[in-house]
Structure formats: C-alpha cells, structure tokens
C-alpha atoms as a PDB file:
ATOM      1  CA  UNK A   1      34.572  53.336 -31.793  1.00  0.00           C
ATOM      2  CA  UNK A   2      33.160  56.451 -33.490  1.00  0.00           C
ATOM      3  CA  UNK A   3      29.431  57.101 -33.453  1.00  0.00           C
ATOM      4  CA  UNK A   4      28.643  60.093 -31.286  1.00  0.00           C
ATOM      5  CA  UNK A   5      28.001  63.387 -33.047  1.00  0.00           C
ATOM      6  CA  UNK A   6      31.309  65.289 -33.136  1.00  0.00           C
ATOM      7  CA  UNK A   7      31.656  68.976 -32.248  1.00  0.00           C
ATOM      8  CA  UNK A   8      33.087  70.296 -35.516  1.00  0.00           C
ATOM      9  CA  UNK A   9      34.813  73.264 -33.868  1.00  0.00           C
ATOM     10  CA  UNK A  10      38.033  71.876 -32.327  1.00  0.00           C
ATOM     11  CA  UNK A  11      38.155  74.894 -29.992  1.00  0.00           C
ATOM     12  CA  UNK A  12      34.559  74.632 -28.839  1.00  0.00           C
ATOM     13  CA  UNK A  13      34.323  75.053 -25.070  1.00  0.00           C
ATOM     14  CA  UNK A  14      33.042  71.879 -23.421  1.00  0.00           C
ATOM     15  CA  UNK A  15      30.477  72.701 -20.768  1.00  0.00           C
ATOM     16  CA  UNK A  16      30.791  70.435 -17.733  1.00  0.00           C
ATOM     17  CA  UNK A  17      28.315  69.522 -15.051  1.00  0.00           C
ATOM     18  CA  UNK A  18      29.217  67.771 -11.845  1.00  0.00           C
ATOM     19  CA  UNK A  19      27.181  65.635  -9.452  1.00  0.00           C
ATOM     20  CA  UNK A  20      28.716  65.517  -5.995  1.00  0.00           C
ATOM     21  CA  UNK A  21      30.560  68.198  -4.035  1.00  0.00           C
ATOM     22  CA  UNK A  22      33.124  66.346  -1.943  1.00  0.00           C
ATOM     23  CA  UNK A  23      36.916  66.266  -2.029  1.00  0.00           C
ATOM     24  CA  UNK A  24      37.254  64.593  -5.445  1.00  0.00           C
ATOM     25  CA  UNK A  25      34.713  67.029  -6.908  1.00  0.00           C
ATOM     26  CA  UNK A  26      36.836  69.922  -5.682  1.00  0.00           C
ATOM     27  CA  UNK A  27      39.949  68.386  -7.277  1.00  0.00           C
ATOM     28  CA  UNK A  28      38.098  67.998 -10.567  1.00  0.00           C
ATOM     29  CA  UNK A  29      36.941  71.618 -10.473  1.00  0.00           C
ATOM     30  CA  UNK A  30      40.479  72.787  -9.689  1.00  0.00           C
ATOM     31  CA  UNK A  31      41.859  70.713 -12.550  1.00  0.00           C
ATOM     32  CA  UNK A  32      39.515  72.249 -15.125  1.00  0.00           C
ATOM     33  CA  UNK A  33      41.590  75.431 -14.962  1.00  0.00           C
ATOM     34  CA  UNK A  34      44.379  73.450 -16.681  1.00  0.00           C
ATOM     35  CA  UNK A  35      42.138  72.024 -19.419  1.00  0.00           C
ATOM     36  CA  UNK A  36      41.897  74.144 -22.579  1.00  0.00           C
ATOM     37  CA  UNK A  37      38.419  75.102 -23.728  1.00  0.00           C
ATOM     38  CA  UNK A  38      36.515  73.511 -20.854  1.00  0.00           C
ATOM     39  CA  UNK A  39      34.573  75.058 -17.999  1.00  0.00           C
ATOM     40  CA  UNK A  40      32.365  74.108 -15.096  1.00  0.00           C
ATOM     41  CA  UNK A  41      28.792  75.225 -15.769  1.00  0.00           C
ATOM     42  CA  UNK A  42      26.552  73.410 -13.281  1.00  0.00           C
ATOM     43  CA  UNK A  43      26.764  71.484 -10.004  1.00  0.00           C
ATOM     44  CA  UNK A  44      24.313  69.500  -7.937  1.00  0.00           C
ATOM     45  CA  UNK A  45      24.754  67.638  -4.671  1.00  0.00           C
ATOM     46  CA  UNK A  46      22.294  66.092  -2.225  1.00  0.00           C
ATOM     47  CA  UNK A  47      23.590  68.653   0.264  1.00  0.00           C
ATOM     48  CA  UNK A  48      22.968  72.106  -1.156  1.00  0.00           C
ATOM     49  CA  UNK A  49      25.577  74.037   0.820  1.00  0.00           C
ATOM     50  CA  UNK A  50      28.716  72.310  -0.533  1.00  0.00           C
ATOM     51  CA  UNK A  51      27.438  72.614  -4.113  1.00  0.00           C
ATOM     52  CA  UNK A  52      26.728  76.301  -3.618  1.00  0.00           C
ATOM     53  CA  UNK A  53      30.197  76.795  -2.151  1.00  0.00           C
ATOM     54  CA  UNK A  54      31.878  75.099  -5.113  1.00  0.00           C
ATOM     55  CA  UNK A  55      29.798  77.106  -7.580  1.00  0.00           C
ATOM     56  CA  UNK A  56      30.753  80.327  -5.823  1.00  0.00           C
ATOM     57  CA  UNK A  57      34.438  79.391  -5.929  1.00  0.00           C
ATOM     58  CA  UNK A  58      34.755  77.846  -9.394  1.00  0.00           C
ATOM     59  CA  UNK A  59      31.790  79.276 -11.292  1.00  0.00           C
ATOM     60  CA  UNK A  60      28.674  77.687 -12.676  1.00  0.00           C
ATOM     61  CA  UNK A  61      25.155  77.236 -11.385  1.00  0.00           C
ATOM     62  CA  UNK A  62      24.236  75.320  -8.239  1.00  0.00           C
ATOM     63  CA  UNK A  63      21.212  73.371  -9.445  1.00  0.00           C
ATOM     64  CA  UNK A  64      18.128  72.686  -7.340  1.00  0.00           C
ATOM     65  CA  UNK A  65      17.998  68.970  -8.197  1.00  0.00           C
ATOM     66  CA  UNK A  66      19.580  66.323 -10.412  1.00  0.00           C
ATOM     67  CA  UNK A  67      16.995  66.779 -13.157  1.00  0.00           C
ATOM     68  CA  UNK A  68      17.842  70.475 -13.331  1.00  0.00           C
ATOM     69  CA  UNK A  69      21.521  69.566 -13.657  1.00  0.00           C
ATOM     70  CA  UNK A  70      20.788  67.278 -16.607  1.00  0.00           C
ATOM     71  CA  UNK A  71      18.730  70.005 -18.277  1.00  0.00           C
ATOM     72  CA  UNK A  72      21.237  72.810 -17.672  1.00  0.00           C
ATOM     73  CA  UNK A  73      22.749  72.793 -21.175  1.00  0.00           C
ATOM     74  CA  UNK A  74      25.942  70.939 -20.284  1.00  0.00           C
ATOM     75  CA  UNK A  75      27.803  68.672 -22.705  1.00  0.00           C
ATOM     76  CA  UNK A  76      29.289  66.247 -20.192  1.00  0.00           C
ATOM     77  CA  UNK A  77      28.757  65.092 -16.625  1.00  0.00           C
ATOM     78  CA  UNK A  78      31.445  64.193 -14.115  1.00  0.00           C
ATOM     79  CA  UNK A  79      30.147  61.807 -11.444  1.00  0.00           C
ATOM     80  CA  UNK A  80      31.892  62.425  -8.124  1.00  0.00           C
ATOM     81  CA  UNK A  81      29.544  60.696  -5.700  1.00  0.00           C
ATOM     82  CA  UNK A  82      29.853  57.557  -3.567  1.00  0.00           C
ATOM     83  CA  UNK A  83      30.106  54.484  -5.749  1.00  0.00           C
ATOM     84  CA  UNK A  84      26.764  52.851  -5.006  1.00  0.00           C
ATOM     85  CA  UNK A  85      25.104  55.730  -6.911  1.00  0.00           C
ATOM     86  CA  UNK A  86      27.391  55.753  -9.956  1.00  0.00           C
ATOM     87  CA  UNK A  87      25.334  53.454 -12.166  1.00  0.00           C
ATOM     88  CA  UNK A  88      22.022  55.261 -11.647  1.00  0.00           C
ATOM     89  CA  UNK A  89      23.501  58.701 -12.268  1.00  0.00           C
ATOM     90  CA  UNK A  90      25.440  57.512 -15.318  1.00  0.00           C
ATOM     91  CA  UNK A  91      22.447  55.837 -16.968  1.00  0.00           C
ATOM     92  CA  UNK A  92      20.215  58.850 -16.350  1.00  0.00           C
ATOM     93  CA  UNK A  93      22.825  61.225 -17.807  1.00  0.00           C
ATOM     94  CA  UNK A  94      23.439  59.056 -20.882  1.00  0.00           C
ATOM     95  CA  UNK A  95      19.720  58.788 -21.517  1.00  0.00           C
ATOM     96  CA  UNK A  96      19.552  62.576 -21.286  1.00  0.00           C
ATOM     97  CA  UNK A  97      22.103  62.788 -24.115  1.00  0.00           C
ATOM     98  CA  UNK A  98      25.159  63.664 -22.060  1.00  0.00           C
ATOM     99  CA  UNK A  99      28.666  62.272 -22.189  1.00  0.00           C
ATOM    100  CA  UNK A 100      29.755  60.777 -18.868  1.00  0.00           C
ATOM    101  CA  UNK A 101      33.106  60.679 -17.070  1.00  0.00           C
ATOM    102  CA  UNK A 102      32.536  58.577 -13.953  1.00  0.00           C
ATOM    103  CA  UNK A 103      34.822  58.443 -10.950  1.00  0.00           C
ATOM    104  CA  UNK A 104      36.305  55.025 -10.149  1.00  0.00           C
ATOM    105  CA  UNK A 105      35.034  52.414  -9.635  1.00  0.00           C
ATOM    106  CA  UNK A 106      32.591  53.003 -12.465  1.00  0.00           C
ATOM    107  CA  UNK A 107      30.082  50.712 -10.736  1.00  0.00           C
ATOM    108  CA  UNK A 108      30.118  48.289  -7.814  1.00  0.00           C
ATOM    109  CA  UNK A 109      29.866  45.136  -9.956  1.00  0.00           C
ATOM    110  CA  UNK A 110      30.005  43.887 -13.518  1.00  0.00           C
ATOM    111  CA  UNK A 111      26.235  43.564 -14.134  1.00  0.00           C
ATOM    112  CA  UNK A 112      25.821  47.243 -13.219  1.00  0.00           C
ATOM    113  CA  UNK A 113      28.665  48.227 -15.544  1.00  0.00           C
ATOM    114  CA  UNK A 114      27.171  46.237 -18.408  1.00  0.00           C
ATOM    115  CA  UNK A 115      23.908  48.155 -17.974  1.00  0.00           C
ATOM    116  CA  UNK A 116      25.784  51.461 -18.071  1.00  0.00           C
ATOM    117  CA  UNK A 117      27.669  50.473 -21.224  1.00  0.00           C
ATOM    118  CA  UNK A 118      24.423  49.331 -22.871  1.00  0.00           C
ATOM    119  CA  UNK A 119      22.964  52.752 -22.096  1.00  0.00           C
ATOM    120  CA  UNK A 120      26.016  54.472 -23.596  1.00  0.00           C
ATOM    121  CA  UNK A 121      25.767  52.442 -26.805  1.00  0.00           C
ATOM    122  CA  UNK A 122      22.036  53.069 -27.113  1.00  0.00           C
ATOM    123  CA  UNK A 123      22.448  56.807 -26.542  1.00  0.00           C
ATOM    124  CA  UNK A 124      25.584  56.971 -28.733  1.00  0.00           C
ATOM    125  CA  UNK A 125      27.409  58.916 -26.072  1.00  0.00           C
ATOM    126  CA  UNK A 126      30.915  58.714 -24.655  1.00  0.00           C
ATOM    127  CA  UNK A 127      31.385  56.929 -21.338  1.00  0.00           C
ATOM    128  CA  UNK A 128      34.720  56.535 -19.560  1.00  0.00           C
ATOM    129  CA  UNK A 129      35.759  55.438 -16.099  1.00  0.00           C
ATOM    130  CA  UNK A 130      37.926  58.148 -14.557  1.00  0.00           C
ATOM    131  CA  UNK A 131      41.017  56.004 -14.014  1.00  0.00           C
ATOM    132  CA  UNK A 132      43.705  58.692 -13.976  1.00  0.00           C
ATOM    133  CA  UNK A 133      47.140  56.921 -14.100  1.00  0.00           C
ATOM    134  CA  UNK A 134      47.376  56.198 -17.856  1.00  0.00           C
ATOM    135  CA  UNK A 135      46.922  59.880 -18.689  1.00  0.00           C
ATOM    136  CA  UNK A 136      49.759  61.230 -16.544  1.00  0.00           C
ATOM    137  CA  UNK A 137      52.852  62.473 -18.420  1.00  0.00           C
ATOM    138  CA  UNK A 138      55.094  60.003 -16.534  1.00  0.00           C
ATOM    139  CA  UNK A 139      52.967  56.989 -17.443  1.00  0.00           C
ATOM    140  CA  UNK A 140      52.891  57.975 -21.102  1.00  0.00           C
ATOM    141  CA  UNK A 141      56.630  58.654 -21.060  1.00  0.00           C
ATOM    142  CA  UNK A 142      57.240  55.236 -19.499  1.00  0.00           C
ATOM    143  CA  UNK A 143      55.183  53.550 -22.212  1.00  0.00           C
ATOM    144  CA  UNK A 144      57.187  55.354 -24.901  1.00  0.00           C
ATOM    145  CA  UNK A 145      60.518  54.549 -23.210  1.00  0.00           C
ATOM    146  CA  UNK A 146      59.742  50.827 -22.946  1.00  0.00           C
ATOM    147  CA  UNK A 147      58.665  50.768 -26.577  1.00  0.00           C
ATOM    148  CA  UNK A 148      62.033  52.180 -27.618  1.00  0.00           C
ATOM    149  CA  UNK A 149      64.149  50.374 -24.987  1.00  0.00           C
ATOM    150  CA  UNK A 150      62.113  47.359 -23.882  1.00  0.00           C
ATOM    151  CA  UNK A 151      62.532  45.151 -20.846  1.00  0.00           C
ATOM    152  CA  UNK A 152      60.735  42.375 -22.702  1.00  0.00           C
ATOM    153  CA  UNK A 153      57.122  41.445 -22.191  1.00  0.00           C
ATOM    154  CA  UNK A 154      55.949  42.338 -18.706  1.00  0.00           C
ATOM    155  CA  UNK A 155      55.191  39.069 -16.919  1.00  0.00           C
ATOM    156  CA  UNK A 156      54.656  40.209 -13.334  1.00  0.00           C
ATOM    157  CA  UNK A 157      52.947  43.259 -11.864  1.00  0.00           C
ATOM    158  CA  UNK A 158      53.260  43.941  -8.143  1.00  0.00           C
ATOM    159  CA  UNK A 159      51.460  46.881  -6.586  1.00  0.00           C
ATOM    160  CA  UNK A 160      49.602  47.907  -3.478  1.00  0.00           C
ATOM    161  CA  UNK A 161      48.641  50.567  -1.023  1.00  0.00           C
ATOM    162  CA  UNK A 162      47.121  50.517   2.439  1.00  0.00           C
ATOM    163  CA  UNK A 163      46.029  53.617   4.346  1.00  0.00           C
ATOM    164  CA  UNK A 164      45.046  53.333   8.026  1.00  0.00           C
ATOM    165  CA  UNK A 165      43.211  55.839  10.155  1.00  0.00           C
ATOM    166  CA  UNK A 166      40.126  56.260   7.988  1.00  0.00           C
ATOM    167  CA  UNK A 167      37.354  57.842  10.121  1.00  0.00           C
ATOM    168  CA  UNK A 168      34.694  55.357  11.151  1.00  0.00           C
ATOM    169  CA  UNK A 169      31.964  57.352   9.382  1.00  0.00           C
ATOM    170  CA  UNK A 170      33.887  57.749   6.108  1.00  0.00           C
ATOM    171  CA  UNK A 171      32.172  56.319   2.959  1.00  0.00           C
ATOM    172  CA  UNK A 172      35.183  54.042   2.450  1.00  0.00           C
ATOM    173  CA  UNK A 173      34.026  52.049   5.488  1.00  0.00           C
ATOM    174  CA  UNK A 174      30.325  52.228   4.662  1.00  0.00           C
ATOM    175  CA  UNK A 175      28.565  48.986   3.766  1.00  0.00           C
ATOM    176  CA  UNK A 176      25.517  50.970   2.650  1.00  0.00           C
ATOM    177  CA  UNK A 177      27.590  52.904   0.120  1.00  0.00           C
ATOM    178  CA  UNK A 178      29.540  49.824  -1.087  1.00  0.00           C
ATOM    179  CA  UNK A 179      32.839  50.882   0.420  1.00  0.00           C
ATOM    180  CA  UNK A 180      35.871  48.778   1.242  1.00  0.00           C
ATOM    181  CA  UNK A 181      39.512  48.582   0.269  1.00  0.00           C
ATOM    182  CA  UNK A 182      38.948  46.606  -2.930  1.00  0.00           C
ATOM    183  CA  UNK A 183      36.705  49.189  -4.595  1.00  0.00           C
ATOM    184  CA  UNK A 184      38.254  52.309  -3.073  1.00  0.00           C
ATOM    185  CA  UNK A 185      41.961  51.456  -3.440  1.00  0.00           C
ATOM    186  CA  UNK A 186      42.352  48.050  -5.052  1.00  0.00           C
ATOM    187  CA  UNK A 187      40.659  49.135  -8.258  1.00  0.00           C
ATOM    188  CA  UNK A 188      43.816  51.148  -9.049  1.00  0.00           C
ATOM    189  CA  UNK A 189      46.019  48.081  -8.666  1.00  0.00           C
ATOM    190  CA  UNK A 190      43.572  46.034 -10.749  1.00  0.00           C
ATOM    191  CA  UNK A 191      43.911  48.626 -13.511  1.00  0.00           C
ATOM    192  CA  UNK A 192      47.693  48.294 -13.486  1.00  0.00           C
ATOM    193  CA  UNK A 193      47.414  44.513 -13.741  1.00  0.00           C
ATOM    194  CA  UNK A 194      45.019  44.464 -16.697  1.00  0.00           C
ATOM    195  CA  UNK A 195      46.794  47.356 -18.436  1.00  0.00           C
ATOM    196  CA  UNK A 196      50.079  45.445 -18.620  1.00  0.00           C
ATOM    197  CA  UNK A 197      48.955  41.807 -18.451  1.00  0.00           C
ATOM    198  CA  UNK A 198      45.529  41.687 -20.112  1.00  0.00           C
ATOM    199  CA  UNK A 199      42.301  40.081 -19.009  1.00  0.00           C
ATOM    200  CA  UNK A 200      42.226  38.135 -15.726  1.00  0.00           C
ATOM    201  CA  UNK A 201      41.904  34.359 -15.919  1.00  0.00           C
ATOM    202  CA  UNK A 202      41.960  33.486 -12.210  1.00  0.00           C
ATOM    203  CA  UNK A 203      41.888  35.542  -9.016  1.00  0.00           C
ATOM    204  CA  UNK A 204      42.901  34.154  -5.611  1.00  0.00           C
ATOM    205  CA  UNK A 205      42.119  36.360  -2.619  1.00  0.00           C
ATOM    206  CA  UNK A 206      42.805  36.439   1.104  1.00  0.00           C
ATOM    207  CA  UNK A 207      41.530  39.236   3.298  1.00  0.00           C
ATOM    208  CA  UNK A 208      39.400  40.354   6.172  1.00  0.00           C
ATOM    209  CA  UNK A 209      36.206  42.261   6.831  1.00  0.00           C
ATOM    210  CA  UNK A 210      36.026  45.026   9.407  1.00  0.00           C
ATOM    211  CA  UNK A 211      33.430  46.071  11.945  1.00  0.00           C
ATOM    212  CA  UNK A 212      31.237  47.805   9.368  1.00  0.00           C
ATOM    213  CA  UNK A 213      31.087  44.725   7.146  1.00  0.00           C
ATOM    214  CA  UNK A 214      33.348  45.902   4.313  1.00  0.00           C
ATOM    215  CA  UNK A 215      36.821  44.606   3.485  1.00  0.00           C
ATOM    216  CA  UNK A 216      39.588  46.380   5.353  1.00  0.00           C
ATOM    217  CA  UNK A 217      42.462  44.421   3.808  1.00  0.00           C
ATOM    218  CA  UNK A 218      42.809  42.146   0.792  1.00  0.00           C
ATOM    219  CA  UNK A 219      45.722  40.406  -0.891  1.00  0.00           C
ATOM    220  CA  UNK A 220      45.254  39.158  -4.461  1.00  0.00           C
ATOM    221  CA  UNK A 221      47.233  36.807  -6.674  1.00  0.00           C
ATOM    222  CA  UNK A 222      45.875  36.879 -10.199  1.00  0.00           C
ATOM    223  CA  UNK A 223      46.640  35.047 -13.424  1.00  0.00           C
ATOM    224  CA  UNK A 224      46.209  37.053 -16.637  1.00  0.00           C
ATOM    225  CA  UNK A 225      46.526  36.531 -20.368  1.00  0.00           C
ATOM    226  CA  UNK A 226      50.190  37.529 -20.316  1.00  0.00           C
ATOM    227  CA  UNK A 227      51.412  37.016 -16.775  1.00  0.00           C
ATOM    228  CA  UNK A 228      50.679  37.236 -13.062  1.00  0.00           C
ATOM    229  CA  UNK A 229      49.980  39.994 -10.541  1.00  0.00           C
ATOM    230  CA  UNK A 230      50.489  40.348  -6.803  1.00  0.00           C
ATOM    231  CA  UNK A 231      48.270  43.097  -5.394  1.00  0.00           C
ATOM    232  CA  UNK A 232      47.187  44.372  -1.997  1.00  0.00           C
ATOM    233  CA  UNK A 233      44.903  47.084  -0.672  1.00  0.00           C
ATOM    234  CA  UNK A 234      43.890  48.070   2.823  1.00  0.00           C
ATOM    235  CA  UNK A 235      42.245  50.508   5.201  1.00  0.00           C
ATOM    236  CA  UNK A 236      43.789  49.307   8.462  1.00  0.00           C
ATOM    237  CA  UNK A 237      47.559  48.997   7.818  1.00  0.00           C
ATOM    238  CA  UNK A 238      50.167  51.416   6.517  1.00  0.00           C
ATOM    239  CA  UNK A 239      51.671  50.158   3.269  1.00  0.00           C
ATOM    240  CA  UNK A 240      53.933  51.632   0.618  1.00  0.00           C
ATOM    241  CA  UNK A 241      52.296  52.672  -2.635  1.00  0.00           C
ATOM    242  CA  UNK A 242      54.852  51.911  -5.320  1.00  0.00           C
ATOM    243  CA  UNK A 243      54.568  49.466  -8.237  1.00  0.00           C
ATOM    244  CA  UNK A 244      56.862  46.945  -9.916  1.00  0.00           C
ATOM    245  CA  UNK A 245      56.761  45.736 -13.536  1.00  0.00           C
ATOM    246  CA  UNK A 246      59.025  42.773 -14.352  1.00  0.00           C
ATOM    247  CA  UNK A 247      60.243  41.550 -17.747  1.00  0.00           C
ATOM    248  CA  UNK A 248      62.992  39.170 -18.842  1.00  0.00           C
ATOM    249  CA  UNK A 249      65.393  42.003 -19.669  1.00  0.00           C
ATOM    250  CA  UNK A 250      64.737  44.277 -16.702  1.00  0.00           C
ATOM    251  CA  UNK A 251      62.237  45.723 -14.292  1.00  0.00           C
ATOM    252  CA  UNK A 252      60.509  49.027 -13.615  1.00  0.00           C
ATOM    253  CA  UNK A 253      59.745  50.690 -10.298  1.00  0.00           C
ATOM    254  CA  UNK A 254      57.034  53.339 -10.453  1.00  0.00           C
ATOM    255  CA  UNK A 255      57.727  55.263  -7.281  1.00  0.00           C
ATOM    256  CA  UNK A 256      55.044  56.050  -4.744  1.00  0.00           C
ATOM    257  CA  UNK A 257      52.386  57.138  -5.072  1.00  0.00           C
ATOM    258  CA  UNK A 258      52.340  55.187  -8.318  1.00  0.00           C
ATOM    259  CA  UNK A 259      48.713  56.179  -9.122  1.00  0.00           C
ATOM    260  CA  UNK A 260      49.843  59.855  -9.222  1.00  0.00           C
ATOM    261  CA  UNK A 261      53.072  58.940 -11.019  1.00  0.00           C
ATOM    262  CA  UNK A 262      55.933  61.371 -11.437  1.00  0.00           C
ATOM    263  CA  UNK A 263      59.072  59.172 -11.158  1.00  0.00           C
ATOM    264  CA  UNK A 264      60.101  55.764 -12.440  1.00  0.00           C
ATOM    265  CA  UNK A 265      63.357  53.790 -12.431  1.00  0.00           C
ATOM    266  CA  UNK A 266      64.120  51.205 -15.117  1.00  0.00           C
ATOM    267  CA  UNK A 267      66.859  48.701 -14.275  1.00  0.00           C
ATOM    268  CA  UNK A 268      68.031  46.524 -17.143  1.00  0.00           C
ATOM    269  CA  UNK A 269      69.526  43.055 -16.769  1.00  0.00           C
ATOM    270  CA  UNK A 270      72.721  44.291 -18.494  1.00  0.00           C
ATOM    271  CA  UNK A 271      73.292  46.883 -15.742  1.00  0.00           C
ATOM    272  CA  UNK A 272      71.854  49.983 -17.417  1.00  0.00           C
ATOM    273  CA  UNK A 273      69.656  52.245 -15.305  1.00  0.00           C
ATOM    274  CA  UNK A 274      67.231  54.843 -16.640  1.00  0.00           C
ATOM    275  CA  UNK A 275      65.534  57.418 -14.446  1.00  0.00           C
ATOM    276  CA  UNK A 276      62.318  59.076 -15.615  1.00  0.00           C
ATOM    277  CA  UNK A 277      61.161  62.238 -13.889  1.00  0.00           C
ATOM    278  CA  UNK A 278      58.011  63.879 -15.208  1.00  0.00           C
ATOM    279  CA  UNK A 279      56.218  66.263 -12.823  1.00  0.00           C
ATOM    280  CA  UNK A 280      52.504  66.842 -13.278  1.00  0.00           C
ATOM    281  CA  UNK A 281      50.394  69.938 -12.882  1.00  0.00           C
ATOM    282  CA  UNK A 282      46.874  70.742 -11.819  1.00  0.00           C
ATOM    283  CA  UNK A 283      46.466  67.872  -9.371  1.00  0.00           C
ATOM    284  CA  UNK A 284      46.446  65.241 -12.120  1.00  0.00           C
ATOM    285  CA  UNK A 285      42.744  64.887 -12.888  1.00  0.00           C
ATOM    286  CA  UNK A 286      43.131  67.482 -15.633  1.00  0.00           C
ATOM    287  CA  UNK A 287      44.890  64.994 -17.929  1.00  0.00           C
ATOM    288  CA  UNK A 288      42.010  62.512 -18.086  1.00  0.00           C
ATOM    289  CA  UNK A 289      39.575  65.428 -18.454  1.00  0.00           C
ATOM    290  CA  UNK A 290      41.502  66.927 -21.368  1.00  0.00           C
ATOM    291  CA  UNK A 291      41.574  63.506 -23.049  1.00  0.00           C
ATOM    292  CA  UNK A 292      37.824  63.146 -22.528  1.00  0.00           C
ATOM    293  CA  UNK A 293      37.179  66.577 -24.085  1.00  0.00           C
ATOM    294  CA  UNK A 294      39.254  65.607 -27.120  1.00  0.00           C
ATOM    295  CA  UNK A 295      37.189  62.441 -27.517  1.00  0.00           C
ATOM    296  CA  UNK A 296      33.946  64.433 -27.359  1.00  0.00           C
ATOM    297  CA  UNK A 297      35.134  66.791 -30.096  1.00  0.00           C
ATOM    298  CA  UNK A 298      36.167  63.834 -32.250  1.00  0.00           C
ATOM    299  CA  UNK A 299      32.795  62.093 -31.839  1.00  0.00           C
ATOM    300  CA  UNK A 300      34.263  59.060 -30.092  1.00  0.00           C
ATOM    301  CA  UNK A 301      32.263  56.768 -27.822  1.00  0.00           C
ATOM    302  CA  UNK A 302      35.200  55.047 -26.157  1.00  0.00           C
ATOM    303  CA  UNK A 303      38.704  55.923 -25.041  1.00  0.00           C
ATOM    304  CA  UNK A 304      41.619  54.017 -26.595  1.00  0.00           C
ATOM    305  CA  UNK A 305      43.589  54.465 -23.344  1.00  0.00           C
ATOM    306  CA  UNK A 306      40.781  53.557 -20.939  1.00  0.00           C
ATOM    307  CA  UNK A 307      38.436  51.400 -23.047  1.00  0.00           C
ATOM    308  CA  UNK A 308      35.304  49.712 -21.761  1.00  0.00           C
ATOM    309  CA  UNK A 309      37.077  46.347 -21.898  1.00  0.00           C
ATOM    310  CA  UNK A 310      39.543  47.433 -19.202  1.00  0.00           C
ATOM    311  CA  UNK A 311      36.750  48.626 -16.925  1.00  0.00           C
ATOM    312  CA  UNK A 312      34.981  45.292 -17.385  1.00  0.00           C
ATOM    313  CA  UNK A 313      38.162  43.358 -16.597  1.00  0.00           C
ATOM    314  CA  UNK A 314      38.897  45.423 -13.497  1.00  0.00           C
ATOM    315  CA  UNK A 315      35.434  45.072 -12.014  1.00  0.00           C
ATOM    316  CA  UNK A 316      35.468  41.341 -12.800  1.00  0.00           C
ATOM    317  CA  UNK A 317      38.573  41.059 -10.612  1.00  0.00           C
ATOM    318  CA  UNK A 318      36.882  43.009  -7.817  1.00  0.00           C
ATOM    319  CA  UNK A 319      33.768  40.820  -8.085  1.00  0.00           C
ATOM    320  CA  UNK A 320      35.849  37.651  -7.825  1.00  0.00           C
ATOM    321  CA  UNK A 321      37.776  38.997  -4.834  1.00  0.00           C
ATOM    322  CA  UNK A 322      34.590  39.967  -2.992  1.00  0.00           C
ATOM    323  CA  UNK A 323      33.101  36.521  -3.616  1.00  0.00           C
ATOM    324  CA  UNK A 324      36.188  34.980  -2.009  1.00  0.00           C
ATOM    325  CA  UNK A 325      35.753  37.241   1.023  1.00  0.00           C
ATOM    326  CA  UNK A 326      32.003  36.612   1.269  1.00  0.00           C
ATOM    327  CA  UNK A 327      31.209  40.297   0.741  1.00  0.00           C
ATOM    328  CA  UNK A 328      27.897  41.042  -0.993  1.00  0.00           C
ATOM    329  CA  UNK A 329      26.241  44.435  -1.067  1.00  0.00           C
ATOM    330  CA  UNK A 330      22.517  45.156  -0.926  1.00  0.00           C
ATOM    331  CA  UNK A 331      20.693  44.122  -4.072  1.00  0.00           C
ATOM    332  CA  UNK A 332      23.428  41.820  -5.378  1.00  0.00           C
END
C-alpha cells in the first residue's frame, strides 16, 4: 500500500523519537548506530531521569512531556512502553503526522488494533508492529533456502519459550499493565504460526493464571489456513526456545533463541542436511528499523514483511487464548 508522502532523497536522515526509556528502549537506541541515515532526536518517558540518561548517552533531546515529543520535528516514533499504553500513544502520534513503529504486542486486543490501523489509514502514515524475527539475516536466508530447496508446504509449526524468575513487580506480571505470558512471550510464537501457516481458524488453549491475575503459562493448539501449530509460553517454568517447521519433504529447526535467530538446521526426508549460520549485529532491532526507514522513504503505509493482516491475526489468537483462560483486562 503506497499513500504516504515519500521522502524523495533516498539518503535523507530519518529523525526518530522514542517514548519509553526502559531496557527495550535502550536496545533500540543502541541499534540505531547500525542503521544508515537514521538518528535519535528526542525521547520522553514518564520518569524524567531515565530519559535524560538515554539522551545523554545516545544523543537527542529529553522532552518535558509527550506533546513536546510529538512536536519535536521527528519523522517517526518508536513506542517502547508497557503494552496497555501502546494504542493511545500510537493514535496520538499518527494523528500528529508521524510514522509509528510500535513494540510488540501492538495493542492488547483486536478492537484496539483496529482503531490504531484506522488512525494510520486516515493520517496516511506508516504503522508497523515491531516484530523482529522476519527481518533477521538468518530468517531471510532460511526463506530463500526453502524457496530454492523446499521441504514442501509447511504443515506444522511448533515453538515455545518459558522464562521463570520474573520479579514480582515486573510489568510482565502486572494485571494493570496487561502483562502475562501470552502477550509478552506468546505473541512471538503466534507470529511464527501465522507467518508460515496463515490466518488462524481455531485456537484451543490450556493454561493457568498466577497470583497477580495474569497468565503465567499457556499451551495452544491452533488450526490455520495451511496447517496446525503447537505453541507454549510461560513465566513460571524454564523451557527451551527453539522452533520446528515441518513439511512433507523435511523439517527445519530454528535453534534457540529462535526469535533472535542465527542458526537453523534443515533435514530432508532423503537424508540431506543443510546448516545455516547467519550471525546478526547491533542487537537485532536494527534490521526492523532499517526496513521501516526504507518504507518511509518509499512512501509506504504498510510493510510487506510485517503487514497489518499478520498483526490482526496474531492478536486474534491472543484474544481467543485469553478468553479460554478467563483473562480480561480493565476496559475490555
């Protein structure tokens, strides 16, 4: 989709603003050093000190409030806050004429995401959920390899990760901030399922809620347009983070951590084995950011690698899983 006004100079420096100053914000700022013709110009966070510290380290202005950030002359906004605030920040930025790259999950439910996408269409600005795996060199190399030497249509995706020991006061365990394993971790696995298998048709979920009221473990079986997925995510068990793609002529293992992919093994039914090894640089967020900058310069409103349809399909899976677990956040 092409509607936004393109920047005619292909080398024009894209000026970035950032809302939020936590760990993922720091990784984004670090990654910008690996993105050609892009720089951090402005930062705002509810807590002034972390924003000032990031500005001092990476450059840019620490803004006094969110409105000042929107008016700071930036081209694009990266949203790096807790997920219950994503929709409000995204809509405000789009209405202010900015392009928006929003950390995953883009919103906490599908109705919120539909409102964000409506705002993007109305403003004719680019919006993309910051789902990093498809932009990594390994993932792209795997796609190219399977196109040239296929394993047949992928009919099963199996993936999961569970990380125990999360501090009790961490946003991942916060009901107020719409935390939980499904939205914090499972959204990655949901991406992998829809990326290879298409839109979900049915989602079956078992899981449990923890002391704070959010899901601490969930296991999903899902039926898609082109196959089935077996997914898990958790905050109270330790589980391996690799992924499996199965076709009639072979299978692929994306080695852990599959969401920061650097190695994959393809085993063919005829006995052939192919090993892919593709290291990444800059922490990994730089690849999605570089892609986003290219889209801005081209005047695009949607990414072909991370289109709005995938975000809608992913959050629909999360919605269905939360319904099965009886988990509803404030205002839903």
